[in-house]
PDB file of N, CA and C in Angstrom:
ATOM      1  N   UNK A   1     215.072   9.370  96.054  1.00  0.00           N
ATOM      2  CA  UNK A   1     214.805  10.239  94.944  1.00  0.00           C
ATOM      3  C   UNK A   1     215.960  10.135  93.948  1.00  0.00           C
ATOM      4  N   UNK A   2     215.622  10.005  92.677  1.00  0.00           N
ATOM      5  CA  UNK A   2     216.614   9.819  91.616  1.00  0.00           C
ATOM      6  C   UNK A   2     216.984  11.170  91.008  1.00  0.00           C
ATOM      7  N   UNK A   3     218.301  11.384  90.740  1.00  0.00           N
ATOM      8  CA  UNK A   3     218.769  12.613  90.096  1.00  0.00           C
ATOM      9  C   UNK A   3     218.359  12.637  88.632  1.00  0.00           C
ATOM     10  N   UNK A   4     217.989  13.820  88.170  1.00  0.00           N
ATOM     11  CA  UNK A   4     217.624  13.989  86.776  1.00  0.00           C
ATOM     12  C   UNK A   4     218.908  14.220  85.968  1.00  0.00           C
ATOM     13  N   UNK A   5     219.250  13.343  85.010  1.00  0.00           N
ATOM     14  CA  UNK A   5     220.518  13.473  84.283  1.00  0.00           C
ATOM     15  C   UNK A   5     220.561  14.632  83.287  1.00  0.00           C
ATOM     16  N   UNK A   6     219.447  15.264  83.009  1.00  0.00           N
ATOM     17  CA  UNK A   6     219.443  16.351  82.033  1.00  0.00           C
ATOM     18  C   UNK A   6     219.838  17.693  82.657  1.00  0.00           C
ATOM     19  N   UNK A   7     219.765  17.815  83.968  1.00  0.00           N
ATOM     20  CA  UNK A   7     220.049  19.089  84.640  1.00  0.00           C
ATOM     21  C   UNK A   7     221.465  19.600  84.342  1.00  0.00           C
ATOM     22  N   UNK A   8     222.513  18.791  84.398  1.00  0.00           N
ATOM     23  CA  UNK A   8     223.848  19.335  84.067  1.00  0.00           C
ATOM     24  C   UNK A   8     223.925  19.881  82.640  1.00  0.00           C
ATOM     25  N   UNK A   9     223.252  19.252  81.714  1.00  0.00           N
ATOM     26  CA  UNK A   9     223.265  19.720  80.328  1.00  0.00           C
ATOM     27  C   UNK A   9     222.537  21.057  80.194  1.00  0.00           C
ATOM     28  N   UNK A  10     221.450  21.216  80.920  1.00  0.00           N
ATOM     29  CA  UNK A  10     220.717  22.480  80.896  1.00  0.00           C
ATOM     30  C   UNK A  10     221.569  23.591  81.503  1.00  0.00           C
ATOM     31  N   UNK A  11     222.283  23.293  82.583  1.00  0.00           N
ATOM     32  CA  UNK A  11     223.156  24.293  83.205  1.00  0.00           C
ATOM     33  C   UNK A  11     224.294  24.692  82.260  1.00  0.00           C
ATOM     34  N   UNK A  12     224.895  23.734  81.590  1.00  0.00           N
ATOM     35  CA  UNK A  12     225.967  24.028  80.634  1.00  0.00           C
ATOM     36  C   UNK A  12     225.435  24.859  79.481  1.00  0.00           C
ATOM     37  N   UNK A  13     224.244  24.517  78.998  1.00  0.00           N
ATOM     38  CA  UNK A  13     223.638  25.276  77.904  1.00  0.00           C
ATOM     39  C   UNK A  13     223.358  26.715  78.342  1.00  0.00           C
ATOM     40  N   UNK A  14     222.801  26.904  79.520  1.00  0.00           N
ATOM     41  CA  UNK A  14     222.500  28.249  80.026  1.00  0.00           C
ATOM     42  C   UNK A  14     223.786  29.051  80.198  1.00  0.00           C
ATOM     43  N   UNK A  15     224.837  28.420  80.718  1.00  0.00           N
ATOM     44  CA  UNK A  15     226.122  29.097  80.861  1.00  0.00           C
ATOM     45  C   UNK A  15     226.680  29.497  79.492  1.00  0.00           C
ATOM     46  N   UNK A  16     226.586  28.628  78.517  1.00  0.00           N
ATOM     47  CA  UNK A  16     227.077  28.929  77.163  1.00  0.00           C
ATOM     48  C   UNK A  16     226.319  30.074  76.521  1.00  0.00           C
ATOM     49  N   UNK A  17     225.017  30.084  76.646  1.00  0.00           N
ATOM     50  CA  UNK A  17     224.210  31.182  76.087  1.00  0.00           C
ATOM     51  C   UNK A  17     224.568  32.488  76.777  1.00  0.00           C
ATOM     52  N   UNK A  18     224.719  32.465  78.090  1.00  0.00           N
ATOM     53  CA  UNK A  18     225.119  33.664  78.822  1.00  0.00           C
ATOM     54  C   UNK A  18     226.483  34.162  78.397  1.00  0.00           C
ATOM     55  N   UNK A  19     227.424  33.250  78.194  1.00  0.00           N
ATOM     56  CA  UNK A  19     228.770  33.616  77.763  1.00  0.00           C
ATOM     57  C   UNK A  19     228.745  34.231  76.363  1.00  0.00           C
ATOM     58  N   UNK A  20     227.980  33.665  75.469  1.00  0.00           N
ATOM     59  CA  UNK A  20     227.853  34.215  74.113  1.00  0.00           C
ATOM     60  C   UNK A  20     227.271  35.624  74.172  1.00  0.00           C
ATOM     61  N   UNK A  21     226.242  35.822  74.988  1.00  0.00           N
ATOM     62  CA  UNK A  21     225.629  37.141  75.130  1.00  0.00           C
ATOM     63  C   UNK A  21     226.640  38.141  75.680  1.00  0.00           C
ATOM     64  N   UNK A  22     227.361  37.763  76.728  1.00  0.00           N
ATOM     65  CA  UNK A  22     228.352  38.651  77.334  1.00  0.00           C
ATOM     66  C   UNK A  22     229.449  39.010  76.333  1.00  0.00           C
ATOM     67  N   UNK A  23     229.977  38.041  75.609  1.00  0.00           N
ATOM     68  CA  UNK A  23     231.048  38.306  74.643  1.00  0.00           C
ATOM     69  C   UNK A  23     230.549  39.178  73.499  1.00  0.00           C
ATOM     70  N   UNK A  24     229.302  39.009  73.090  1.00  0.00           N
ATOM     71  CA  UNK A  24     228.736  39.860  72.043  1.00  0.00           C
ATOM     72  C   UNK A  24     228.651  41.301  72.509  1.00  0.00           C
ATOM     73  N   UNK A  25     228.192  41.509  73.724  1.00  0.00           N
ATOM     74  CA  UNK A  25     228.091  42.866  74.260  1.00  0.00           C
ATOM     75  C   UNK A  25     229.482  43.483  74.440  1.00  0.00           C
ATOM     76  N   UNK A  26     230.444  42.693  74.842  1.00  0.00           N
ATOM     77  CA  UNK A  26     231.818  43.174  74.983  1.00  0.00           C
ATOM     78  C   UNK A  26     232.362  43.591  73.620  1.00  0.00           C
ATOM     79  N   UNK A  27     232.085  42.819  72.589  1.00  0.00           N
ATOM     80  CA  UNK A  27     232.545  43.145  71.243  1.00  0.00           C
ATOM     81  C   UNK A  27     231.902  44.407  70.703  1.00  0.00           C
ATOM     82  N   UNK A  28     230.623  44.610  70.971  1.00  0.00           N
ATOM     83  CA  UNK A  28     229.931  45.812  70.516  1.00  0.00           C
ATOM     84  C   UNK A  28     230.548  47.040  71.180  1.00  0.00           C
ATOM     85  N   UNK A  29     230.861  46.940  72.460  1.00  0.00           N
ATOM     86  CA  UNK A  29     231.435  48.061  73.176  1.00  0.00           C
ATOM     87  C   UNK A  29     232.859  48.395  72.762  1.00  0.00           C
ATOM     88  N   UNK A  30     233.590  47.429  72.256  1.00  0.00           N
ATOM     89  CA  UNK A  30     234.999  47.634  71.908  1.00  0.00           C
ATOM     90  C   UNK A  30     235.277  47.453  70.426  1.00  0.00           C
ATOM     91  N   UNK A  31     234.287  47.675  69.581  1.00  0.00           N
ATOM     92  CA  UNK A  31     234.460  47.368  68.165  1.00  0.00           C
ATOM     93  C   UNK A  31     235.573  48.175  67.509  1.00  0.00           C
ATOM     94  N   UNK A  32     235.769  49.434  67.886  1.00  0.00           N
ATOM     95  CA  UNK A  32     236.843  50.239  67.298  1.00  0.00           C
ATOM     96  C   UNK A  32     238.211  49.670  67.675  1.00  0.00           C
ATOM     97  N   UNK A  33     238.372  49.324  68.949  1.00  0.00           N
ATOM     98  CA  UNK A  33     239.646  48.776  69.406  1.00  0.00           C
ATOM     99  C   UNK A  33     239.927  47.424  68.755  1.00  0.00           C
ATOM    100  N   UNK A  34     238.910  46.589  68.647  1.00  0.00           N
ATOM    101  CA  UNK A  34     239.063  45.272  68.034  1.00  0.00           C
ATOM    102  C   UNK A  34     239.397  45.408  66.551  1.00  0.00           C
ATOM    103  N   UNK A  35     238.739  46.335  65.862  1.00  0.00           N
ATOM    104  CA  UNK A  35     238.968  46.532  64.433  1.00  0.00           C
ATOM    105  C   UNK A  35     240.384  46.983  64.139  1.00  0.00           C
ATOM    106  N   UNK A  36     241.009  47.690  65.071  1.00  0.00           N
ATOM    107  CA  UNK A  36     242.363  48.193  64.856  1.00  0.00           C
ATOM    108  C   UNK A  36     243.407  47.384  65.618  1.00  0.00           C
ATOM    109  N   UNK A  37     243.068  46.187  66.032  1.00  0.00           N
ATOM    110  CA  UNK A  37     244.031  45.330  66.698  1.00  0.00           C
ATOM    111  C   UNK A  37     244.511  45.874  68.028  1.00  0.00           C
ATOM    112  N   UNK A  38     243.689  46.654  68.715  1.00  0.00           N
ATOM    113  CA  UNK A  38     244.060  47.198  70.009  1.00  0.00           C
ATOM    114  C   UNK A  38     244.837  48.492  69.918  1.00  0.00           C
ATOM    115  N   UNK A  39     245.176  48.955  68.720  1.00  0.00           N
ATOM    116  CA  UNK A  39     245.954  50.177  68.551  1.00  0.00           C
ATOM    117  C   UNK A  39     245.039  51.309  68.109  1.00  0.00           C
ATOM    118  N   UNK A  40     244.754  52.233  69.021  1.00  0.00           N
ATOM    119  CA  UNK A  40     243.952  53.386  68.666  1.00  0.00           C
ATOM    120  C   UNK A  40     244.675  54.645  69.097  1.00  0.00           C
ATOM    121  N   UNK A  41     244.300  55.751  68.506  1.00  0.00           N
ATOM    122  CA  UNK A  41     244.849  57.043  68.899  1.00  0.00           C
ATOM    123  C   UNK A  41     244.038  57.588  70.058  1.00  0.00           C
ATOM    124  N   UNK A  42     244.420  58.746  70.570  1.00  0.00           N
ATOM    125  CA  UNK A  42     243.677  59.348  71.665  1.00  0.00           C
ATOM    126  C   UNK A  42     242.239  59.639  71.264  1.00  0.00           C
ATOM    127  N   UNK A  43     242.024  59.974  69.997  1.00  0.00           N
ATOM    128  CA  UNK A  43     240.680  60.285  69.527  1.00  0.00           C
ATOM    129  C   UNK A  43     239.862  59.033  69.261  1.00  0.00           C
ATOM    130  N   UNK A  44     240.466  57.865  69.326  1.00  0.00           N
ATOM    131  CA  UNK A  44     239.759  56.620  69.078  1.00  0.00           C
ATOM    132  C   UNK A  44     239.712  56.236  67.623  1.00  0.00           C
ATOM    133  N   UNK A  45     240.426  56.962  66.773  1.00  0.00           N
ATOM    134  CA  UNK A  45     240.427  56.660  65.349  1.00  0.00           C
ATOM    135  C   UNK A  45     241.533  55.698  64.987  1.00  0.00           C
ATOM    136  N   UNK A  46     241.824  55.641  63.703  1.00  0.00           N
ATOM    137  CA  UNK A  46     242.859  54.744  63.211  1.00  0.00           C
ATOM    138  C   UNK A  46     244.229  55.273  63.610  1.00  0.00           C
ATOM    139  N   UNK A  47     245.194  54.369  63.684  1.00  0.00           N
ATOM    140  CA  UNK A  47     246.554  54.784  63.987  1.00  0.00           C
ATOM    141  C   UNK A  47     247.126  55.527  62.797  1.00  0.00           C
ATOM    142  N   UNK A  48     248.199  56.232  63.014  1.00  0.00           N
ATOM    143  CA  UNK A  48     248.784  57.052  61.957  1.00  0.00           C
ATOM    144  C   UNK A  48     249.244  56.212  60.781  1.00  0.00           C
ATOM    145  N   UNK A  49     249.745  54.986  61.058  1.00  0.00           N
ATOM    146  CA  UNK A  49     250.278  54.176  59.962  1.00  0.00           C
ATOM    147  C   UNK A  49     249.187  53.637  59.044  1.00  0.00           C
ATOM    148  N   UNK A  50     247.926  53.732  59.444  1.00  0.00           N
ATOM    149  CA  UNK A  50     246.852  53.215  58.613  1.00  0.00           C
ATOM    150  C   UNK A  50     246.433  54.198  57.535  1.00  0.00           C
ATOM    151  N   UNK A  51     246.943  55.388  57.591  1.00  0.00           N
ATOM    152  CA  UNK A  51     246.708  56.347  56.531  1.00  0.00           C
ATOM    153  C   UNK A  51     245.243  56.699  56.374  1.00  0.00           C
ATOM    154  N   UNK A  52     244.839  56.899  55.138  1.00  0.00           N
ATOM    155  CA  UNK A  52     243.496  57.399  54.841  1.00  0.00           C
ATOM    156  C   UNK A  52     242.505  56.271  54.637  1.00  0.00           C
ATOM    157  N   UNK A  53     242.429  55.337  55.536  1.00  0.00           N
ATOM    158  CA  UNK A  53     241.430  54.296  55.452  1.00  0.00           C
ATOM    159  C   UNK A  53     241.856  53.053  54.687  1.00  0.00           C
ATOM    160  N   UNK A  54     243.103  52.960  54.269  1.00  0.00           N
ATOM    161  CA  UNK A  54     243.560  51.798  53.518  1.00  0.00           C
ATOM    162  C   UNK A  54     243.408  50.507  54.290  1.00  0.00           C
ATOM    163  N   UNK A  55     243.653  50.556  55.595  1.00  0.00           N
ATOM    164  CA  UNK A  55     243.546  49.347  56.410  1.00  0.00           C
ATOM    165  C   UNK A  55     242.110  48.831  56.450  1.00  0.00           C
ATOM    166  N   UNK A  56     241.139  49.743  56.490  1.00  0.00           N
ATOM    167  CA  UNK A  56     239.749  49.315  56.492  1.00  0.00           C
ATOM    168  C   UNK A  56     239.341  48.783  55.118  1.00  0.00           C
ATOM    169  N   UNK A  57     239.819  49.438  54.075  1.00  0.00           N
ATOM    170  CA  UNK A  57     239.463  49.020  52.718  1.00  0.00           C
ATOM    171  C   UNK A  57     240.093  47.692  52.332  1.00  0.00           C
ATOM    172  N   UNK A  58     241.236  47.378  52.911  1.00  0.00           N
ATOM    173  CA  UNK A  58     241.947  46.153  52.557  1.00  0.00           C
ATOM    174  C   UNK A  58     241.239  44.907  53.114  1.00  0.00           C
ATOM    175  N   UNK A  59     240.200  45.103  53.899  1.00  0.00           N
ATOM    176  CA  UNK A  59     239.439  43.975  54.436  1.00  0.00           C
ATOM    177  C   UNK A  59     238.887  43.090  53.322  1.00  0.00           C
ATOM    178  N   UNK A  60     238.592  43.667  52.166  1.00  0.00           N
ATOM    179  CA  UNK A  60     238.081  42.866  51.057  1.00  0.00           C
ATOM    180  C   UNK A  60     239.171  42.009  50.425  1.00  0.00           C
ATOM    181  N   UNK A  61     240.421  42.245  50.763  1.00  0.00           N
ATOM    182  CA  UNK A  61     241.550  41.509  50.186  1.00  0.00           C
ATOM    183  C   UNK A  61     241.894  40.256  50.981  1.00  0.00           C
ATOM    184  N   UNK A  62     241.501  40.209  52.260  1.00  0.00           N
ATOM    185  CA  UNK A  62     241.976  39.131  53.124  1.00  0.00           C
ATOM    186  C   UNK A  62     241.420  37.761  52.757  1.00  0.00           C
ATOM    187  N   UNK A  63     240.306  37.730  52.037  1.00  0.00           N
ATOM    188  CA  UNK A  63     239.740  36.443  51.634  1.00  0.00           C
ATOM    189  C   UNK A  63     240.695  35.639  50.766  1.00  0.00           C
ATOM    190  N   UNK A  64     241.439  36.315  49.914  1.00  0.00           N
ATOM    191  CA  UNK A  64     242.383  35.632  49.020  1.00  0.00           C
ATOM    192  C   UNK A  64     243.840  35.778  49.468  1.00  0.00           C
ATOM    193  N   UNK A  65     244.176  36.925  50.050  1.00  0.00           N
ATOM    194  CA  UNK A  65     245.579  37.201  50.367  1.00  0.00           C
ATOM    195  C   UNK A  65     245.931  36.939  51.827  1.00  0.00           C
ATOM    196  N   UNK A  66     244.992  36.438  52.609  1.00  0.00           N
ATOM    197  CA  UNK A  66     245.253  36.092  54.000  1.00  0.00           C
ATOM    198  C   UNK A  66     245.011  37.251  54.942  1.00  0.00           C
ATOM    199  N   UNK A  67     244.773  36.941  56.198  1.00  0.00           N
ATOM    200  CA  UNK A  67     244.465  37.942  57.200  1.00  0.00           C
ATOM    201  C   UNK A  67     245.553  38.968  57.398  1.00  0.00           C
ATOM    202  N   UNK A  68     246.804  38.555  57.258  1.00  0.00           N
ATOM    203  CA  UNK A  68     247.911  39.502  57.401  1.00  0.00           C
ATOM    204  C   UNK A  68     248.527  39.843  56.046  1.00  0.00           C
ATOM    205  N   UNK A  69     247.834  39.474  54.970  1.00  0.00           N
ATOM    206  CA  UNK A  69     248.215  39.767  53.580  1.00  0.00           C
ATOM    207  C   UNK A  69     249.536  39.115  53.173  1.00  0.00           C
ATOM    208  N   UNK A  70     249.934  38.052  53.882  1.00  0.00           N
ATOM    209  CA  UNK A  70     251.164  37.345  53.525  1.00  0.00           C
ATOM    210  C   UNK A  70     250.894  36.181  52.579  1.00  0.00           C
ATOM    211  N   UNK A  71     249.707  36.085  52.079  1.00  0.00           N
ATOM    212  CA  UNK A  71     249.391  35.057  51.096  1.00  0.00           C
ATOM    213  C   UNK A  71     248.361  34.075  51.598  1.00  0.00           C
ATOM    214  N   UNK A  72     247.686  33.494  50.682  1.00  0.00           N
ATOM    215  CA  UNK A  72     246.651  32.501  50.928  1.00  0.00           C
ATOM    216  C   UNK A  72     246.368  31.895  49.574  1.00  0.00           C
ATOM    217  N   UNK A  73     245.137  32.047  49.107  1.00  0.00           N
ATOM    218  CA  UNK A  73     244.800  31.645  47.742  1.00  0.00           C
ATOM    219  C   UNK A  73     245.560  32.532  46.760  1.00  0.00           C
ATOM    220  N   UNK A  74     245.645  33.821  47.089  1.00  0.00           N
ATOM    221  CA  UNK A  74     246.399  34.786  46.286  1.00  0.00           C
ATOM    222  C   UNK A  74     247.793  34.958  46.868  1.00  0.00           C
ATOM    223  N   UNK A  75     248.671  35.631  46.150  1.00  0.00           N
ATOM    224  CA  UNK A  75     250.046  35.795  46.621  1.00  0.00           C
ATOM    225  C   UNK A  75     250.154  36.794  47.774  1.00  0.00           C
ATOM    226  N   UNK A  76     251.328  36.813  48.407  1.00  0.00           N
ATOM    227  CA  UNK A  76     251.614  37.773  49.464  1.00  0.00           C
ATOM    228  C   UNK A  76     251.648  39.183  48.886  1.00  0.00           C
ATOM    229  N   UNK A  77     251.123  40.135  49.647  1.00  0.00           N
ATOM    230  CA  UNK A  77     251.159  41.534  49.243  1.00  0.00           C
ATOM    231  C   UNK A  77     252.238  42.307  50.010  1.00  0.00           C
ATOM    232  N   UNK A  78     252.849  41.654  50.975  1.00  0.00           N
ATOM    233  CA  UNK A  78     253.882  42.293  51.780  1.00  0.00           C
ATOM    234  C   UNK A  78     255.137  42.483  50.936  1.00  0.00           C
ATOM    235  N   UNK A  79     255.681  43.674  50.975  1.00  0.00           N
ATOM    236  CA  UNK A  79     256.904  43.971  50.246  1.00  0.00           C
ATOM    237  C   UNK A  79     256.692  44.552  48.864  1.00  0.00           C
ATOM    238  N   UNK A  80     255.451  44.683  48.422  1.00  0.00           N
ATOM    239  CA  UNK A  80     255.207  45.291  47.115  1.00  0.00           C
ATOM    240  C   UNK A  80     255.481  46.790  47.196  1.00  0.00           C
ATOM    241  N   UNK A  81     256.041  47.347  46.124  1.00  0.00           N
ATOM    242  CA  UNK A  81     256.424  48.762  46.159  1.00  0.00           C
ATOM    243  C   UNK A  81     255.845  49.595  45.022  1.00  0.00           C
ATOM    244  N   UNK A  82     255.345  48.981  43.970  1.00  0.00           N
ATOM    245  CA  UNK A  82     254.854  49.723  42.806  1.00  0.00           C
ATOM    246  C   UNK A  82     253.387  50.132  43.009  1.00  0.00           C
ATOM    247  N   UNK A  83     253.187  51.342  43.505  1.00  0.00           N
ATOM    248  CA  UNK A  83     251.851  51.826  43.831  1.00  0.00           C
ATOM    249  C   UNK A  83     250.944  51.832  42.604  1.00  0.00           C
ATOM    250  N   UNK A  84     251.447  52.273  41.471  1.00  0.00           N
ATOM    251  CA  UNK A  84     250.619  52.353  40.264  1.00  0.00           C
ATOM    252  C   UNK A  84     250.169  50.968  39.796  1.00  0.00           C
ATOM    253  N   UNK A  85     251.053  49.966  39.878  1.00  0.00           N
ATOM    254  CA  UNK A  85     250.687  48.603  39.478  1.00  0.00           C
ATOM    255  C   UNK A  85     249.612  48.044  40.420  1.00  0.00           C
ATOM    256  N   UNK A  86     249.777  48.272  41.720  1.00  0.00           N
ATOM    257  CA  UNK A  86     248.786  47.797  42.695  1.00  0.00           C
ATOM    258  C   UNK A  86     247.447  48.464  42.440  1.00  0.00           C
ATOM    259  N   UNK A  87     247.468  49.770  42.243  1.00  0.00           N
ATOM    260  CA  UNK A  87     246.245  50.530  41.976  1.00  0.00           C
ATOM    261  C   UNK A  87     245.552  50.029  40.713  1.00  0.00           C
ATOM    262  N   UNK A  88     246.322  49.791  39.666  1.00  0.00           N
ATOM    263  CA  UNK A  88     245.763  49.284  38.415  1.00  0.00           C
ATOM    264  C   UNK A  88     245.150  47.895  38.607  1.00  0.00           C
ATOM    265  N   UNK A  89     245.832  47.042  39.376  1.00  0.00           N
ATOM    266  CA  UNK A  89     245.312  45.697  39.631  1.00  0.00           C
ATOM    267  C   UNK A  89     243.994  45.749  40.404  1.00  0.00           C
ATOM    268  N   UNK A  90     243.878  46.683  41.330  1.00  0.00           N
ATOM    269  CA  UNK A  90     242.646  46.822  42.115  1.00  0.00           C
ATOM    270  C   UNK A  90     241.500  47.289  41.225  1.00  0.00           C
ATOM    271  N   UNK A  91     241.772  48.259  40.379  1.00  0.00           N
ATOM    272  CA  UNK A  91     240.711  48.836  39.539  1.00  0.00           C
ATOM    273  C   UNK A  91     240.345  47.932  38.367  1.00  0.00           C
ATOM    274  N   UNK A  92     241.355  47.354  37.687  1.00  0.00           N
ATOM    275  CA  UNK A  92     241.107  46.597  36.456  1.00  0.00           C
ATOM    276  C   UNK A  92     241.254  45.091  36.592  1.00  0.00           C
ATOM    277  N   UNK A  93     241.769  44.621  37.715  1.00  0.00           N
ATOM    278  CA  UNK A  93     242.039  43.201  37.875  1.00  0.00           C
ATOM    279  C   UNK A  93     243.419  42.867  37.338  1.00  0.00           C
ATOM    280  N   UNK A  94     243.915  41.674  37.708  1.00  0.00           N
ATOM    281  CA  UNK A  94     245.245  41.256  37.273  1.00  0.00           C
ATOM    282  C   UNK A  94     245.307  39.738  37.342  1.00  0.00           C
ATOM    283  N   UNK A  95     245.606  39.085  36.228  1.00  0.00           N
ATOM    284  CA  UNK A  95     245.649  37.619  36.206  1.00  0.00           C
ATOM    285  C   UNK A  95     244.298  37.049  36.584  1.00  0.00           C
ATOM    286  N   UNK A  96     244.272  36.214  37.623  1.00  0.00           N
ATOM    287  CA  UNK A  96     243.005  35.617  38.074  1.00  0.00           C
ATOM    288  C   UNK A  96     242.251  36.513  39.045  1.00  0.00           C
ATOM    289  N   UNK A  97     242.862  37.635  39.436  1.00  0.00           N
ATOM    290  CA  UNK A  97     242.197  38.566  40.347  1.00  0.00           C
ATOM    291  C   UNK A  97     241.227  39.449  39.565  1.00  0.00           C
ATOM    292  N   UNK A  98     239.948  39.438  39.952  1.00  0.00           N
ATOM    293  CA  UNK A  98     238.982  40.298  39.245  1.00  0.00           C
ATOM    294  C   UNK A  98     239.103  41.754  39.704  1.00  0.00           C
ATOM    295  N   UNK A  99     238.576  42.655  38.905  1.00  0.00           N
ATOM    296  CA  UNK A  99     238.502  44.061  39.300  1.00  0.00           C
ATOM    297  C   UNK A  99     237.687  44.161  40.589  1.00  0.00           C
ATOM    298  N   UNK A 100     238.082  45.071  41.473  1.00  0.00           N
ATOM    299  CA  UNK A 100     237.461  45.143  42.792  1.00  0.00           C
ATOM    300  C   UNK A 100     236.356  46.180  42.917  1.00  0.00           C
ATOM    301  N   UNK A 101     236.107  46.963  41.885  1.00  0.00           N
ATOM    302  CA  UNK A 101     235.027  47.939  41.931  1.00  0.00           C
ATOM    303  C   UNK A 101     235.274  49.071  42.922  1.00  0.00           C
ATOM    304  N   UNK A 102     236.510  49.417  43.139  1.00  0.00           N
ATOM    305  CA  UNK A 102     236.868  50.508  44.040  1.00  0.00           C
ATOM    306  C   UNK A 102     237.053  51.791  43.247  1.00  0.00           C
ATOM    307  N   UNK A 103     236.810  52.910  43.899  1.00  0.00           N
ATOM    308  CA  UNK A 103     237.049  54.204  43.256  1.00  0.00           C
ATOM    309  C   UNK A 103     238.551  54.439  43.167  1.00  0.00           C
ATOM    310  N   UNK A 104     238.931  55.461  42.409  1.00  0.00           N
ATOM    311  CA  UNK A 104     240.343  55.802  42.263  1.00  0.00           C
ATOM    312  C   UNK A 104     240.952  56.150  43.623  1.00  0.00           C
ATOM    313  N   UNK A 105     240.238  56.900  44.434  1.00  0.00           N
ATOM    314  CA  UNK A 105     240.734  57.297  45.759  1.00  0.00           C
ATOM    315  C   UNK A 105     240.865  56.083  46.682  1.00  0.00           C
ATOM    316  N   UNK A 106     239.888  55.170  46.632  1.00  0.00           N
ATOM    317  CA  UNK A 106     239.966  53.964  47.454  1.00  0.00           C
ATOM    318  C   UNK A 106     241.131  53.090  47.017  1.00  0.00           C
ATOM    319  N   UNK A 107     241.301  52.923  45.714  1.00  0.00           N
ATOM    320  CA  UNK A 107     242.412  52.122  45.202  1.00  0.00           C
ATOM    321  C   UNK A 107     243.745  52.738  45.606  1.00  0.00           C
ATOM    322  N   UNK A 108     243.840  54.059  45.578  1.00  0.00           N
ATOM    323  CA  UNK A 108     245.070  54.746  45.991  1.00  0.00           C
ATOM    324  C   UNK A 108     245.346  54.498  47.472  1.00  0.00           C
ATOM    325  N   UNK A 109     244.313  54.583  48.310  1.00  0.00           N
ATOM    326  CA  UNK A 109     244.478  54.351  49.753  1.00  0.00           C
ATOM    327  C   UNK A 109     244.927  52.919  50.024  1.00  0.00           C
ATOM    328  N   UNK A 110     244.335  51.961  49.322  1.00  0.00           N
ATOM    329  CA  UNK A 110     244.726  50.563  49.494  1.00  0.00           C
ATOM    330  C   UNK A 110     246.160  50.361  49.035  1.00  0.00           C
ATOM    331  N   UNK A 111     246.518  50.902  47.884  1.00  0.00           N
ATOM    332  CA  UNK A 111     247.888  50.754  47.350  1.00  0.00           C
ATOM    333  C   UNK A 111     248.897  51.386  48.298  1.00  0.00           C
ATOM    334  N   UNK A 112     248.576  52.552  48.848  1.00  0.00           N
ATOM    335  CA  UNK A 112     249.472  53.197  49.807  1.00  0.00           C
ATOM    336  C   UNK A 112     249.648  52.338  51.044  1.00  0.00           C
ATOM    337  N   UNK A 113     248.556  51.754  51.528  1.00  0.00           N
ATOM    338  CA  UNK A 113     248.625  50.891  52.713  1.00  0.00           C
ATOM    339  C   UNK A 113     249.477  49.650  52.418  1.00  0.00           C
ATOM    340  N   UNK A 114     249.236  49.006  51.279  1.00  0.00           N
ATOM    341  CA  UNK A 114     249.976  47.794  50.940  1.00  0.00           C
ATOM    342  C   UNK A 114     251.473  48.075  50.832  1.00  0.00           C
ATOM    343  N   UNK A 115     251.841  49.192  50.230  1.00  0.00           N
ATOM    344  CA  UNK A 115     253.271  49.504  50.100  1.00  0.00           C
ATOM    345  C   UNK A 115     253.908  49.871  51.437  1.00  0.00           C
ATOM    346  N   UNK A 116     253.092  50.176  52.452  1.00  0.00           N
ATOM    347  CA  UNK A 116     253.642  50.475  53.784  1.00  0.00           C
ATOM    348  C   UNK A 116     253.901  49.216  54.597  1.00  0.00           C
ATOM    349  N   UNK A 117     253.408  48.068  54.139  1.00  0.00           N
ATOM    350  CA  UNK A 117     253.589  46.814  54.869  1.00  0.00           C
ATOM    351  C   UNK A 117     255.039  46.369  54.825  1.00  0.00           C
ATOM    352  N   UNK A 118     255.535  45.905  55.928  1.00  0.00           N
ATOM    353  CA  UNK A 118     256.918  45.410  55.998  1.00  0.00           C
ATOM    354  C   UNK A 118     256.944  43.951  56.337  1.00  0.00           C
TER     355      UNK A 118
END
């Protein structure tokens, strides 16, 4: 009797699909912890240093400024201190950066978060 050469490929495929399903379910169950980099408070919310949602709002910035905001297509945001300039840039745009369509409160939260980065 001859071995069927496709069986190992089917087993690998089934294992891969199972692994993807398991990892997806794990991610759904831990989405808060994953979103905050493993740092949560006792209540499961954001850490104290994240302030009033600035860390969540800054997600729209990572496409240009990098995942850790140290630069990418756009410049690094780490070390900026002028909250009003940052807020104005978010609301009205600056140079090649377009206006972000954020409310005044959202822009303030983002600016506060950015100035807290070290």
